[in-house]
Amino acid sequence: MSVPKKNHWLIYQRLRFLVTVLLVVSCADQTESAVTLTKSEDKVRVEIDGELFAEYIYQGQPKPILYPVIGPHGIGMTRNYPMVSDSFGEAHDHPHHQSLWFTHGSVNDIDFWSILEGAGRILHDQFLRLKAGGGRAVIRSTNRWLGPDGKLVCTDTRQISFGISDSARNISWTITIHASSGDLRFGDTKEGAMGIRTHPQLRLTANPERGVKSVSGNAANSEGVTGADIWGKRASWVDYWGPIDDQVVGIAIFDHPSNLRHPTWWHARTYGLVAANPFGIHDFEGKPDGAGDMTVPAGESITLRYRFVFHEGDANQAKIAERYAAFVKSEE
């Protein structure tokens, strides 16, 4: 028995409707998260789908920093001190360890790492780009490195990109340091350079005398070295992870192959400081003082690229090795 033409048309329309619904649902599942930027007088607020991810504080500190940095499950991934002076359960030490930052302890013999008397400062100059779209947001700016006498030592151009992949949030930090005031010498010291001070629960060791009574952190690097032994070792990446508020989360930091002396050395302490440092060879390897010195001739520059990944699970569960491979191929 043949089906009336009218029924053919009804079946066709219903099939079209069903396909349309499936396409809409499919596209909704693949919609990228909205990453937005909001600039105020002293900071740029970064949000993912309306929730705080990070704030780039470019005024009021000895150097521009990212604080806070919010990871999976709404967990703050860096410590609050010294931005919150009375923070509880944290060691109130190393006040220059301000969440997430880039500096170095010897630039033309000036200490830009600490905030002691006689240290240098890094001052925001101007924004070149503030853009959000396509599931990412970008901050591009210029900065002036000033000695304690106020004289210009060098300048930098930095680009900081924010995004999300699966449940992992990432920050890519590319910095070009210009020898804009003559030759520029980076000195051989462990005190540098691309650094983060983790949430106290990600520490490897406790310090009850300073208020950190128990910790649950773990650490590993790309070479299979674990725990405290990653300090001073060369590696493409390191990862710290552990349970916070009943959720296992972690922080991985990537060193790009194009960087000076890749794979870099890591000033990665048991108390939660993690810093990529291509200059501190004397401290890390016991070689003669000055072995890690590097001079950028006047008018030239050096560019360094890093990525931070704030993830769920341990290094294996978060597929950090695969994420690193993707970073190597990316343009950020």
C-alpha atoms as a PDB file:
ATOM      1  CA  MET A   1       0.000   0.000   0.000  1.00  0.00           C
ATOM      2  CA  SER A   2       1.435   3.407  -0.952  1.00  0.00           C
ATOM      3  CA  VAL A   3       1.813   6.285   1.542  1.00  0.00           C
ATOM      4  CA  PRO A   4      -0.118   9.459   0.596  1.00  0.00           C
ATOM      5  CA  LYS A   5       2.044  12.367  -0.583  1.00  0.00           C
ATOM      6  CA  LYS A   6       0.718  14.497   2.295  1.00  0.00           C
ATOM      7  CA  ASN A   7       2.171  11.981   4.766  1.00  0.00           C
ATOM      8  CA  HIS A   8       5.496  12.094   2.899  1.00  0.00           C
ATOM      9  CA  TRP A   9       5.596  15.827   3.483  1.00  0.00           C
ATOM     10  CA  LEU A  10       4.765  15.454   7.200  1.00  0.00           C
ATOM     11  CA  ILE A  11       7.470  12.824   7.681  1.00  0.00           C
ATOM     12  CA  TYR A  12       9.967  15.041   5.863  1.00  0.00           C
ATOM     13  CA  GLN A  13       9.131  18.044   8.067  1.00  0.00           C
ATOM     14  CA  ARG A  14       9.431  16.003  11.236  1.00  0.00           C
ATOM     15  CA  LEU A  15      12.812  14.662  10.131  1.00  0.00           C
ATOM     16  CA  ARG A  16      13.983  18.207   9.393  1.00  0.00           C
ATOM     17  CA  PHE A  17      12.888  19.321  12.847  1.00  0.00           C
ATOM     18  CA  LEU A  18      14.657  16.383  14.505  1.00  0.00           C
ATOM     19  CA  VAL A  19      17.907  17.063  12.616  1.00  0.00           C
ATOM     20  CA  THR A  20      17.708  20.766  13.529  1.00  0.00           C
ATOM     21  CA  VAL A  21      17.280  19.936  17.212  1.00  0.00           C
ATOM     22  CA  LEU A  22      20.241  17.536  17.114  1.00  0.00           C
ATOM     23  CA  LEU A  23      22.425  20.163  15.432  1.00  0.00           C
ATOM     24  CA  VAL A  24      21.490  22.801  17.982  1.00  0.00           C
ATOM     25  CA  VAL A  25      22.268  20.448  20.872  1.00  0.00           C
ATOM     26  CA  SER A  26      25.540  19.411  19.240  1.00  0.00           C
ATOM     27  CA  CYS A  27      26.595  23.015  18.675  1.00  0.00           C
ATOM     28  CA  ALA A  28      25.649  23.917  22.246  1.00  0.00           C
ATOM     29  CA  ASP A  29      27.873  21.144  23.560  1.00  0.00           C
ATOM     30  CA  GLN A  30      30.777  22.524  21.524  1.00  0.00           C
ATOM     31  CA  THR A  31      30.268  26.190  22.424  1.00  0.00           C
ATOM     32  CA  GLU A  32      33.495  27.723  23.714  1.00  0.00           C
ATOM     33  CA  SER A  33      33.533  29.268  27.144  1.00  0.00           C
ATOM     34  CA  ALA A  34      33.250  33.045  27.141  1.00  0.00           C
ATOM     35  CA  VAL A  35      36.459  34.660  28.425  1.00  0.00           C
ATOM     36  CA  THR A  36      36.051  38.361  29.164  1.00  0.00           C
ATOM     37  CA  LEU A  37      38.243  41.255  30.317  1.00  0.00           C
ATOM     38  CA  THR A  38      37.190  44.218  32.427  1.00  0.00           C
ATOM     39  CA  LYS A  39      39.731  47.014  32.982  1.00  0.00           C
ATOM     40  CA  SER A  40      39.742  49.301  36.012  1.00  0.00           C
ATOM     41  CA  GLU A  41      42.248  51.856  37.325  1.00  0.00           C
ATOM     42  CA  ASP A  42      44.636  49.319  38.831  1.00  0.00           C
ATOM     43  CA  LYS A  43      43.735  45.874  37.465  1.00  0.00           C
ATOM     44  CA  VAL A  44      42.219  43.890  34.623  1.00  0.00           C
ATOM     45  CA  ARG A  45      39.647  41.327  35.696  1.00  0.00           C
ATOM     46  CA  VAL A  46      39.505  38.065  33.721  1.00  0.00           C
ATOM     47  CA  GLU A  47      36.317  36.017  33.862  1.00  0.00           C
ATOM     48  CA  ILE A  48      35.266  32.694  32.351  1.00  0.00           C
ATOM     49  CA  ASP A  49      31.519  32.422  31.785  1.00  0.00           C
ATOM     50  CA  GLY A  50      30.981  35.240  34.263  1.00  0.00           C
ATOM     51  CA  GLU A  51      33.131  33.730  37.032  1.00  0.00           C
ATOM     52  CA  LEU A  52      36.450  35.142  38.200  1.00  0.00           C
ATOM     53  CA  PHE A  53      39.547  33.455  36.773  1.00  0.00           C
ATOM     54  CA  ALA A  54      42.308  35.976  37.531  1.00  0.00           C
ATOM     55  CA  GLU A  55      43.131  39.629  37.994  1.00  0.00           C
ATOM     56  CA  TYR A  56      46.156  41.281  36.421  1.00  0.00           C
ATOM     57  CA  ILE A  57      47.204  43.905  38.969  1.00  0.00           C
ATOM     58  CA  TYR A  58      49.276  46.478  37.117  1.00  0.00           C
ATOM     59  CA  GLN A  59      49.340  49.312  39.666  1.00  0.00           C
ATOM     60  CA  GLY A  60      50.127  49.525  43.380  1.00  0.00           C
ATOM     61  CA  GLN A  61      52.652  46.666  43.591  1.00  0.00           C
ATOM     62  CA  PRO A  62      56.464  46.550  43.111  1.00  0.00           C
ATOM     63  CA  LYS A  63      55.764  44.679  39.870  1.00  0.00           C
ATOM     64  CA  PRO A  64      52.687  43.644  37.855  1.00  0.00           C
ATOM     65  CA  ILE A  65      51.252  40.382  39.181  1.00  0.00           C
ATOM     66  CA  LEU A  66      48.356  37.997  38.670  1.00  0.00           C
ATOM     67  CA  TYR A  67      46.266  37.625  41.822  1.00  0.00           C
ATOM     68  CA  PRO A  68      44.054  35.830  42.543  1.00  0.00           C
ATOM     69  CA  VAL A  69      44.174  32.867  40.179  1.00  0.00           C
ATOM     70  CA  ILE A  70      41.114  30.625  40.463  1.00  0.00           C
ATOM     71  CA  GLY A  71      41.362  27.032  39.273  1.00  0.00           C
ATOM     72  CA  PRO A  72      38.943  24.111  38.925  1.00  0.00           C
ATOM     73  CA  HIS A  73      36.057  23.953  41.432  1.00  0.00           C
ATOM     74  CA  GLY A  74      36.552  27.627  42.261  1.00  0.00           C
ATOM     75  CA  ILE A  75      39.737  26.922  44.223  1.00  0.00           C
ATOM     76  CA  GLY A  76      42.331  29.679  44.618  1.00  0.00           C
ATOM     77  CA  MET A  77      45.560  28.213  43.256  1.00  0.00           C
ATOM     78  CA  THR A  78      48.038  30.680  44.776  1.00  0.00           C
ATOM     79  CA  ARG A  79      48.578  31.824  48.324  1.00  0.00           C
ATOM     80  CA  ASN A  80      46.952  35.035  49.540  1.00  0.00           C
ATOM     81  CA  TYR A  81      49.876  36.533  51.458  1.00  0.00           C
ATOM     82  CA  PRO A  82      51.147  39.254  51.161  1.00  0.00           C
ATOM     83  CA  MET A  83      48.196  40.644  49.175  1.00  0.00           C
ATOM     84  CA  VAL A  84      46.047  39.686  52.185  1.00  0.00           C
ATOM     85  CA  SER A  85      48.303  40.564  55.111  1.00  0.00           C
ATOM     86  CA  ASP A  86      46.344  38.635  57.758  1.00  0.00           C
ATOM     87  CA  SER A  87      45.677  35.495  55.690  1.00  0.00           C
ATOM     88  CA  PHE A  88      45.191  32.381  57.830  1.00  0.00           C
ATOM     89  CA  GLY A  89      46.985  29.042  57.424  1.00  0.00           C
ATOM     90  CA  GLU A  90      49.775  30.446  55.266  1.00  0.00           C
ATOM     91  CA  ALA A  91      53.433  31.139  55.968  1.00  0.00           C
ATOM     92  CA  HIS A  92      53.925  34.896  56.062  1.00  0.00           C
ATOM     93  CA  ASP A  93      57.376  34.688  54.533  1.00  0.00           C
ATOM     94  CA  HIS A  94      59.008  35.935  51.322  1.00  0.00           C
ATOM     95  CA  PRO A  95      56.680  38.926  50.784  1.00  0.00           C
ATOM     96  CA  HIS A  96      58.053  39.252  47.250  1.00  0.00           C
ATOM     97  CA  HIS A  97      56.413  35.917  46.317  1.00  0.00           C
ATOM     98  CA  GLN A  98      53.274  37.625  45.037  1.00  0.00           C
ATOM     99  CA  SER A  99      51.044  34.940  43.546  1.00  0.00           C
ATOM    100  CA  LEU A 100      52.268  34.798  39.906  1.00  0.00           C
ATOM    101  CA  TRP A 101      54.885  37.086  38.380  1.00  0.00           C
ATOM    102  CA  PHE A 102      58.052  37.533  36.288  1.00  0.00           C
ATOM    103  CA  THR A 103      61.246  39.166  37.599  1.00  0.00           C
ATOM    104  CA  HIS A 104      64.912  38.336  38.159  1.00  0.00           C
ATOM    105  CA  GLY A 105      67.307  38.817  41.046  1.00  0.00           C
ATOM    106  CA  SER A 106      70.219  40.291  39.123  1.00  0.00           C
ATOM    107  CA  VAL A 107      69.685  42.554  36.112  1.00  0.00           C
ATOM    108  CA  ASN A 108      72.728  44.782  35.610  1.00  0.00           C
ATOM    109  CA  ASP A 109      73.475  43.895  39.262  1.00  0.00           C
ATOM    110  CA  ILE A 110      70.110  45.246  40.428  1.00  0.00           C
ATOM    111  CA  ASP A 111      67.798  42.991  42.400  1.00  0.00           C
ATOM    112  CA  PHE A 112      64.327  42.954  40.838  1.00  0.00           C
ATOM    113  CA  TRP A 113      63.315  39.736  42.642  1.00  0.00           C
ATOM    114  CA  SER A 114      63.031  40.992  46.216  1.00  0.00           C
ATOM    115  CA  ILE A 115      61.314  44.099  47.558  1.00  0.00           C
ATOM    116  CA  LEU A 116      64.081  45.019  49.985  1.00  0.00           C
ATOM    117  CA  GLU A 117      65.577  48.482  50.217  1.00  0.00           C
ATOM    118  CA  GLY A 118      67.696  49.036  47.119  1.00  0.00           C
ATOM    119  CA  ALA A 119      65.665  46.679  44.936  1.00  0.00           C
ATOM    120  CA  GLY A 120      64.407  47.623  41.506  1.00  0.00           C
ATOM    121  CA  ARG A 121      60.788  48.064  40.446  1.00  0.00           C
ATOM    122  CA  ILE A 122      58.829  47.120  37.343  1.00  0.00           C
ATOM    123  CA  LEU A 123      56.264  49.759  36.413  1.00  0.00           C
ATOM    124  CA  HIS A 124      53.377  49.378  33.982  1.00  0.00           C
ATOM    125  CA  ASP A 125      53.709  51.707  31.015  1.00  0.00           C
ATOM    126  CA  GLN A 126      50.757  51.140  28.684  1.00  0.00           C
ATOM    127  CA  PHE A 127      48.385  48.530  27.302  1.00  0.00           C
ATOM    128  CA  LEU A 128      48.889  47.654  23.656  1.00  0.00           C
ATOM    129  CA  ARG A 129      45.997  45.222  23.478  1.00  0.00           C
ATOM    130  CA  LEU A 130      43.050  44.115  25.562  1.00  0.00           C
ATOM    131  CA  LYS A 131      41.013  41.636  23.578  1.00  0.00           C
ATOM    132  CA  ALA A 132      38.601  38.810  24.315  1.00  0.00           C
ATOM    133  CA  GLY A 133      36.933  36.423  21.899  1.00  0.00           C
ATOM    134  CA  GLY A 134      37.097  32.934  20.455  1.00  0.00           C
ATOM    135  CA  GLY A 135      37.325  31.387  23.908  1.00  0.00           C
ATOM    136  CA  ARG A 136      40.475  33.338  24.829  1.00  0.00           C
ATOM    137  CA  ALA A 137      41.470  36.719  26.184  1.00  0.00           C
ATOM    138  CA  VAL A 138      44.737  38.593  25.670  1.00  0.00           C
ATOM    139  CA  ILE A 139      46.495  41.323  27.643  1.00  0.00           C
ATOM    140  CA  ARG A 140      49.477  42.917  25.917  1.00  0.00           C
ATOM    141  CA  SER A 141      51.438  45.682  27.636  1.00  0.00           C
ATOM    142  CA  THR A 142      54.768  47.461  27.948  1.00  0.00           C
ATOM    143  CA  ASN A 143      56.647  47.949  31.212  1.00  0.00           C
ATOM    144  CA  ARG A 144      59.671  49.839  32.529  1.00  0.00           C
ATOM    145  CA  TRP A 145      62.303  48.283  34.780  1.00  0.00           C
ATOM    146  CA  LEU A 146      63.693  51.001  37.062  1.00  0.00           C
ATOM    147  CA  GLY A 147      66.675  50.870  39.390  1.00  0.00           C
ATOM    148  CA  PRO A 148      66.522  52.153  42.990  1.00  0.00           C
ATOM    149  CA  ASP A 149      67.699  55.531  41.692  1.00  0.00           C
ATOM    150  CA  GLY A 150      64.739  55.709  39.302  1.00  0.00           C
ATOM    151  CA  LYS A 151      66.875  55.272  36.189  1.00  0.00           C
ATOM    152  CA  LEU A 152      65.653  53.056  33.359  1.00  0.00           C
ATOM    153  CA  VAL A 153      67.423  49.690  33.227  1.00  0.00           C
ATOM    154  CA  CYS A 154      65.384  48.034  30.477  1.00  0.00           C
ATOM    155  CA  THR A 155      61.847  47.642  29.165  1.00  0.00           C
ATOM    156  CA  ASP A 156      59.614  44.687  28.414  1.00  0.00           C
ATOM    157  CA  THR A 157      56.694  43.826  26.194  1.00  0.00           C
ATOM    158  CA  ARG A 158      54.532  41.055  27.605  1.00  0.00           C
ATOM    159  CA  GLN A 159      51.537  39.154  26.320  1.00  0.00           C
ATOM    160  CA  ILE A 160      49.394  37.184  28.757  1.00  0.00           C
ATOM    161  CA  SER A 161      46.695  34.929  27.297  1.00  0.00           C
ATOM    162  CA  PHE A 162      43.881  33.232  29.216  1.00  0.00           C
ATOM    163  CA  GLY A 163      41.804  30.237  28.165  1.00  0.00           C
ATOM    164  CA  ILE A 164      40.242  26.935  29.105  1.00  0.00           C
ATOM    165  CA  SER A 165      40.635  23.425  27.694  1.00  0.00           C
ATOM    166  CA  ASP A 166      38.340  20.731  29.060  1.00  0.00           C
ATOM    167  CA  SER A 167      38.219  21.544  32.776  1.00  0.00           C
ATOM    168  CA  ALA A 168      41.769  22.940  32.845  1.00  0.00           C
ATOM    169  CA  ARG A 169      42.348  26.682  32.840  1.00  0.00           C
ATOM    170  CA  ASN A 170      45.553  28.022  31.328  1.00  0.00           C
ATOM    171  CA  ILE A 171      47.621  31.190  31.279  1.00  0.00           C
ATOM    172  CA  SER A 172      50.297  31.685  28.631  1.00  0.00           C
ATOM    173  CA  TRP A 173      52.942  34.294  29.466  1.00  0.00           C
ATOM    174  CA  THR A 174      55.297  35.557  26.745  1.00  0.00           C
ATOM    175  CA  ILE A 175      57.756  38.280  27.697  1.00  0.00           C
ATOM    176  CA  THR A 176      60.275  40.108  25.516  1.00  0.00           C
ATOM    177  CA  ILE A 177      62.879  42.049  27.485  1.00  0.00           C
ATOM    178  CA  HIS A 178      64.517  44.860  25.528  1.00  0.00           C
ATOM    179  CA  ALA A 179      68.043  46.136  26.147  1.00  0.00           C
ATOM    180  CA  SER A 180      66.746  49.666  25.649  1.00  0.00           C
ATOM    181  CA  SER A 181      69.316  51.432  27.862  1.00  0.00           C
ATOM    182  CA  GLY A 182      72.563  49.780  26.850  1.00  0.00           C
ATOM    183  CA  ASP A 183      73.861  46.241  27.332  1.00  0.00           C
ATOM    184  CA  LEU A 184      71.692  44.167  29.642  1.00  0.00           C
ATOM    185  CA  ARG A 185      73.216  41.458  31.824  1.00  0.00           C
ATOM    186  CA  PHE A 186      71.153  38.792  33.557  1.00  0.00           C
ATOM    187  CA  GLY A 187      73.234  37.556  36.479  1.00  0.00           C
ATOM    188  CA  ASP A 188      73.759  34.014  37.700  1.00  0.00           C
ATOM    189  CA  THR A 189      71.381  33.638  40.660  1.00  0.00           C
ATOM    190  CA  LYS A 190      68.680  31.192  41.667  1.00  0.00           C
ATOM    191  CA  GLU A 191      66.380  34.120  42.488  1.00  0.00           C
ATOM    192  CA  GLY A 192      64.283  34.198  39.331  1.00  0.00           C
ATOM    193  CA  ALA A 193      62.439  34.321  37.062  1.00  0.00           C
ATOM    194  CA  MET A 194      58.944  33.121  35.937  1.00  0.00           C
ATOM    195  CA  GLY A 195      57.449  32.322  39.315  1.00  0.00           C
ATOM    196  CA  ILE A 196      54.363  31.249  41.221  1.00  0.00           C
ATOM    197  CA  ARG A 197      53.728  30.703  44.939  1.00  0.00           C
ATOM    198  CA  THR A 198      51.177  27.941  45.281  1.00  0.00           C
ATOM    199  CA  HIS A 199      48.219  27.424  47.582  1.00  0.00           C
ATOM    200  CA  PRO A 200      49.711  26.237  50.910  1.00  0.00           C
ATOM    201  CA  GLN A 201      48.081  22.803  50.611  1.00  0.00           C
ATOM    202  CA  LEU A 202      50.228  22.138  47.538  1.00  0.00           C
ATOM    203  CA  ARG A 203      53.407  22.554  49.554  1.00  0.00           C
ATOM    204  CA  LEU A 204      55.555  19.440  49.947  1.00  0.00           C
ATOM    205  CA  THR A 205      56.489  20.244  53.545  1.00  0.00           C
ATOM    206  CA  ALA A 206      54.597  21.829  56.427  1.00  0.00           C
ATOM    207  CA  ASN A 207      55.844  24.604  58.687  1.00  0.00           C
ATOM    208  CA  PRO A 208      53.828  24.639  61.931  1.00  0.00           C
ATOM    209  CA  GLU A 209      55.876  27.501  63.359  1.00  0.00           C
ATOM    210  CA  ARG A 210      54.629  29.682  60.508  1.00  0.00           C
ATOM    211  CA  GLY A 211      51.047  28.495  60.591  1.00  0.00           C
ATOM    212  CA  VAL A 212      51.154  25.696  58.008  1.00  0.00           C
ATOM    213  CA  LYS A 213      50.392  22.644  60.120  1.00  0.00           C
ATOM    214  CA  SER A 214      49.651  20.041  57.454  1.00  0.00           C
ATOM    215  CA  VAL A 215      50.124  19.791  53.701  1.00  0.00           C
ATOM    216  CA  SER A 216      49.307  17.268  50.997  1.00  0.00           C
ATOM    217  CA  GLY A 217      51.311  18.349  47.964  1.00  0.00           C
ATOM    218  CA  ASN A 218      53.111  16.208  45.407  1.00  0.00           C
ATOM    219  CA  ALA A 219      55.530  17.232  42.677  1.00  0.00           C
ATOM    220  CA  ALA A 220      56.998  15.720  39.528  1.00  0.00           C
ATOM    221  CA  ASN A 221      58.776  16.920  36.407  1.00  0.00           C
ATOM    222  CA  SER A 222      58.926  15.853  32.780  1.00  0.00           C
ATOM    223  CA  GLU A 223      62.006  13.700  33.449  1.00  0.00           C
ATOM    224  CA  GLY A 224      60.294  11.522  36.054  1.00  0.00           C
ATOM    225  CA  VAL A 225      61.959  13.176  39.051  1.00  0.00           C
ATOM    226  CA  THR A 226      59.595  13.594  41.996  1.00  0.00           C
ATOM    227  CA  GLY A 227      59.252  15.460  45.278  1.00  0.00           C
ATOM    228  CA  ALA A 228      61.962  17.748  46.631  1.00  0.00           C
ATOM    229  CA  ASP A 229      64.476  16.333  44.140  1.00  0.00           C
ATOM    230  CA  ILE A 230      63.019  18.442  41.310  1.00  0.00           C
ATOM    231  CA  TRP A 231      64.789  21.523  42.733  1.00  0.00           C
ATOM    232  CA  GLY A 232      67.622  22.669  40.498  1.00  0.00           C
ATOM    233  CA  LYS A 233      66.920  20.000  37.876  1.00  0.00           C
ATOM    234  CA  ARG A 234      66.383  20.703  34.183  1.00  0.00           C
ATOM    235  CA  ALA A 235      62.985  19.777  32.761  1.00  0.00           C
ATOM    236  CA  SER A 236      60.452  20.862  30.170  1.00  0.00           C
ATOM    237  CA  TRP A 237      57.730  21.109  32.805  1.00  0.00           C
ATOM    238  CA  VAL A 238      56.980  20.634  36.482  1.00  0.00           C
ATOM    239  CA  ASP A 239      53.677  19.914  38.202  1.00  0.00           C
ATOM    240  CA  TYR A 240      52.489  20.361  41.787  1.00  0.00           C
ATOM    241  CA  TRP A 241      49.184  18.772  42.834  1.00  0.00           C
ATOM    242  CA  GLY A 242      47.210  17.595  45.841  1.00  0.00           C
ATOM    243  CA  PRO A 243      43.810  17.651  47.561  1.00  0.00           C
ATOM    244  CA  ILE A 244      42.283  21.019  48.442  1.00  0.00           C
ATOM    245  CA  ASP A 245      38.732  21.197  49.797  1.00  0.00           C
ATOM    246  CA  ASP A 246      38.209  17.499  48.941  1.00  0.00           C
ATOM    247  CA  GLN A 247      39.235  18.060  45.309  1.00  0.00           C
ATOM    248  CA  VAL A 248      42.563  17.035  43.770  1.00  0.00           C
ATOM    249  CA  VAL A 249      43.886  19.951  41.742  1.00  0.00           C
ATOM    250  CA  GLY A 250      47.270  20.988  40.434  1.00  0.00           C
ATOM    251  CA  ILE A 251      49.491  23.551  38.752  1.00  0.00           C
ATOM    252  CA  ALA A 252      51.752  22.672  35.816  1.00  0.00           C
ATOM    253  CA  ILE A 253      54.298  25.134  34.411  1.00  0.00           C
ATOM    254  CA  PHE A 254      55.695  24.691  30.895  1.00  0.00           C
ATOM    255  CA  ASP A 255      59.008  25.922  29.486  1.00  0.00           C
ATOM    256  CA  HIS A 256      58.890  26.451  25.708  1.00  0.00           C
ATOM    257  CA  PRO A 257      61.619  24.803  23.564  1.00  0.00           C
ATOM    258  CA  SER A 258      62.452  28.184  22.009  1.00  0.00           C
ATOM    259  CA  ASN A 259      63.508  29.555  25.397  1.00  0.00           C
ATOM    260  CA  LEU A 260      67.086  30.250  26.363  1.00  0.00           C
ATOM    261  CA  ARG A 261      68.878  27.090  27.551  1.00  0.00           C
ATOM    262  CA  HIS A 262      65.811  24.879  27.282  1.00  0.00           C
ATOM    263  CA  PRO A 263      65.033  22.690  29.155  1.00  0.00           C
ATOM    264  CA  THR A 264      65.299  25.192  31.947  1.00  0.00           C
ATOM    265  CA  TRP A 265      66.324  24.745  35.576  1.00  0.00           C
ATOM    266  CA  TRP A 266      63.621  24.958  38.240  1.00  0.00           C
ATOM    267  CA  HIS A 267      63.849  26.922  41.463  1.00  0.00           C
ATOM    268  CA  ALA A 268      61.104  24.662  42.830  1.00  0.00           C
ATOM    269  CA  ARG A 269      60.940  24.656  46.613  1.00  0.00           C
ATOM    270  CA  THR A 270      59.144  22.329  49.005  1.00  0.00           C
ATOM    271  CA  TYR A 271      57.301  25.336  50.485  1.00  0.00           C
ATOM    272  CA  GLY A 272      55.435  26.121  47.260  1.00  0.00           C
ATOM    273  CA  LEU A 273      57.678  28.438  45.275  1.00  0.00           C
ATOM    274  CA  VAL A 274      57.984  27.222  41.684  1.00  0.00           C
ATOM    275  CA  ALA A 275      60.081  29.279  39.257  1.00  0.00           C
ATOM    276  CA  ALA A 276      61.579  28.616  35.838  1.00  0.00           C
ATOM    277  CA  ASN A 277      65.097  30.050  35.817  1.00  0.00           C
ATOM    278  CA  PRO A 278      67.512  29.785  32.854  1.00  0.00           C
ATOM    279  CA  PHE A 279      70.220  31.864  34.588  1.00  0.00           C
ATOM    280  CA  GLY A 280      71.030  30.279  37.974  1.00  0.00           C
ATOM    281  CA  ILE A 281      73.518  27.655  36.847  1.00  0.00           C
ATOM    282  CA  HIS A 282      75.976  28.400  39.673  1.00  0.00           C
ATOM    283  CA  ASP A 283      73.357  27.653  42.330  1.00  0.00           C
ATOM    284  CA  PHE A 284      71.689  24.743  40.576  1.00  0.00           C
ATOM    285  CA  GLU A 285      74.744  22.848  39.350  1.00  0.00           C
ATOM    286  CA  GLY A 286      77.524  24.058  41.624  1.00  0.00           C
ATOM    287  CA  LYS A 287      79.481  25.522  38.726  1.00  0.00           C
ATOM    288  CA  PRO A 288      81.710  28.611  39.081  1.00  0.00           C
ATOM    289  CA  ASP A 289      79.921  31.806  39.982  1.00  0.00           C
ATOM    290  CA  GLY A 290      78.817  33.608  36.844  1.00  0.00           C
ATOM    291  CA  ALA A 291      78.431  30.461  34.747  1.00  0.00           C
ATOM    292  CA  GLY A 292      74.796  31.389  34.077  1.00  0.00           C
ATOM    293  CA  ASP A 293      75.377  35.042  33.177  1.00  0.00           C
ATOM    294  CA  MET A 294      73.824  36.159  29.915  1.00  0.00           C
ATOM    295  CA  THR A 295      74.193  39.544  28.211  1.00  0.00           C
ATOM    296  CA  VAL A 296      71.711  41.045  25.762  1.00  0.00           C
ATOM    297  CA  PRO A 297      73.570  43.610  23.602  1.00  0.00           C
ATOM    298  CA  ALA A 298      72.209  47.145  23.477  1.00  0.00           C
ATOM    299  CA  GLY A 299      69.241  47.445  21.147  1.00  0.00           C
ATOM    300  CA  GLU A 300      68.511  43.723  21.124  1.00  0.00           C
ATOM    301  CA  SER A 301      66.072  41.613  23.147  1.00  0.00           C
ATOM    302  CA  ILE A 302      65.333  38.195  24.587  1.00  0.00           C
ATOM    303  CA  THR A 303      61.934  36.457  24.484  1.00  0.00           C
ATOM    304  CA  LEU A 304      60.764  33.787  26.922  1.00  0.00           C
ATOM    305  CA  ARG A 305      57.536  31.760  26.713  1.00  0.00           C
ATOM    306  CA  TYR A 306      55.764  29.894  29.489  1.00  0.00           C
ATOM    307  CA  ARG A 307      52.354  28.390  30.189  1.00  0.00           C
ATOM    308  CA  PHE A 308      50.577  27.655  33.462  1.00  0.00           C
ATOM    309  CA  VAL A 309      47.887  24.958  33.504  1.00  0.00           C
ATOM    310  CA  PHE A 310      45.493  24.763  36.460  1.00  0.00           C
ATOM    311  CA  HIS A 311      44.019  21.294  36.332  1.00  0.00           C
ATOM    312  CA  GLU A 312      42.086  18.528  38.068  1.00  0.00           C
ATOM    313  CA  GLY A 313      43.782  15.325  39.213  1.00  0.00           C
ATOM    314  CA  ASP A 314      47.462  14.435  39.287  1.00  0.00           C
ATOM    315  CA  ALA A 315      49.946  14.951  36.444  1.00  0.00           C
ATOM    316  CA  ASN A 316      48.961  11.705  34.713  1.00  0.00           C
ATOM    317  CA  GLN A 317      45.217  12.177  35.098  1.00  0.00           C
ATOM    318  CA  ALA A 318      45.513  15.723  33.760  1.00  0.00           C
ATOM    319  CA  LYS A 319      47.546  14.464  30.769  1.00  0.00           C
ATOM    320  CA  ILE A 320      50.217  17.074  31.381  1.00  0.00           C
ATOM    321  CA  ALA A 321      52.662  15.518  28.894  1.00  0.00           C
ATOM    322  CA  GLU A 322      50.007  15.734  26.160  1.00  0.00           C
ATOM    323  CA  ARG A 323      49.123  19.301  27.122  1.00  0.00           C
ATOM    324  CA  TYR A 324      52.803  20.212  26.941  1.00  0.00           C
ATOM    325  CA  ALA A 325      53.038  18.759  23.422  1.00  0.00           C
ATOM    326  CA  ALA A 326      50.061  20.907  22.411  1.00  0.00           C
ATOM    327  CA  PHE A 327      51.721  23.984  23.929  1.00  0.00           C
ATOM    328  CA  VAL A 328      54.851  23.384  21.881  1.00  0.00           C
ATOM    329  CA  LYS A 329      52.761  23.470  18.694  1.00  0.00           C
ATOM    330  CA  SER A 330      50.693  26.509  19.689  1.00  0.00           C
ATOM    331  CA  GLU A 331      51.375  30.139  18.842  1.00  0.00           C
ATOM    332  CA  GLU A 332      50.937  31.313  22.456  1.00  0.00           C
END
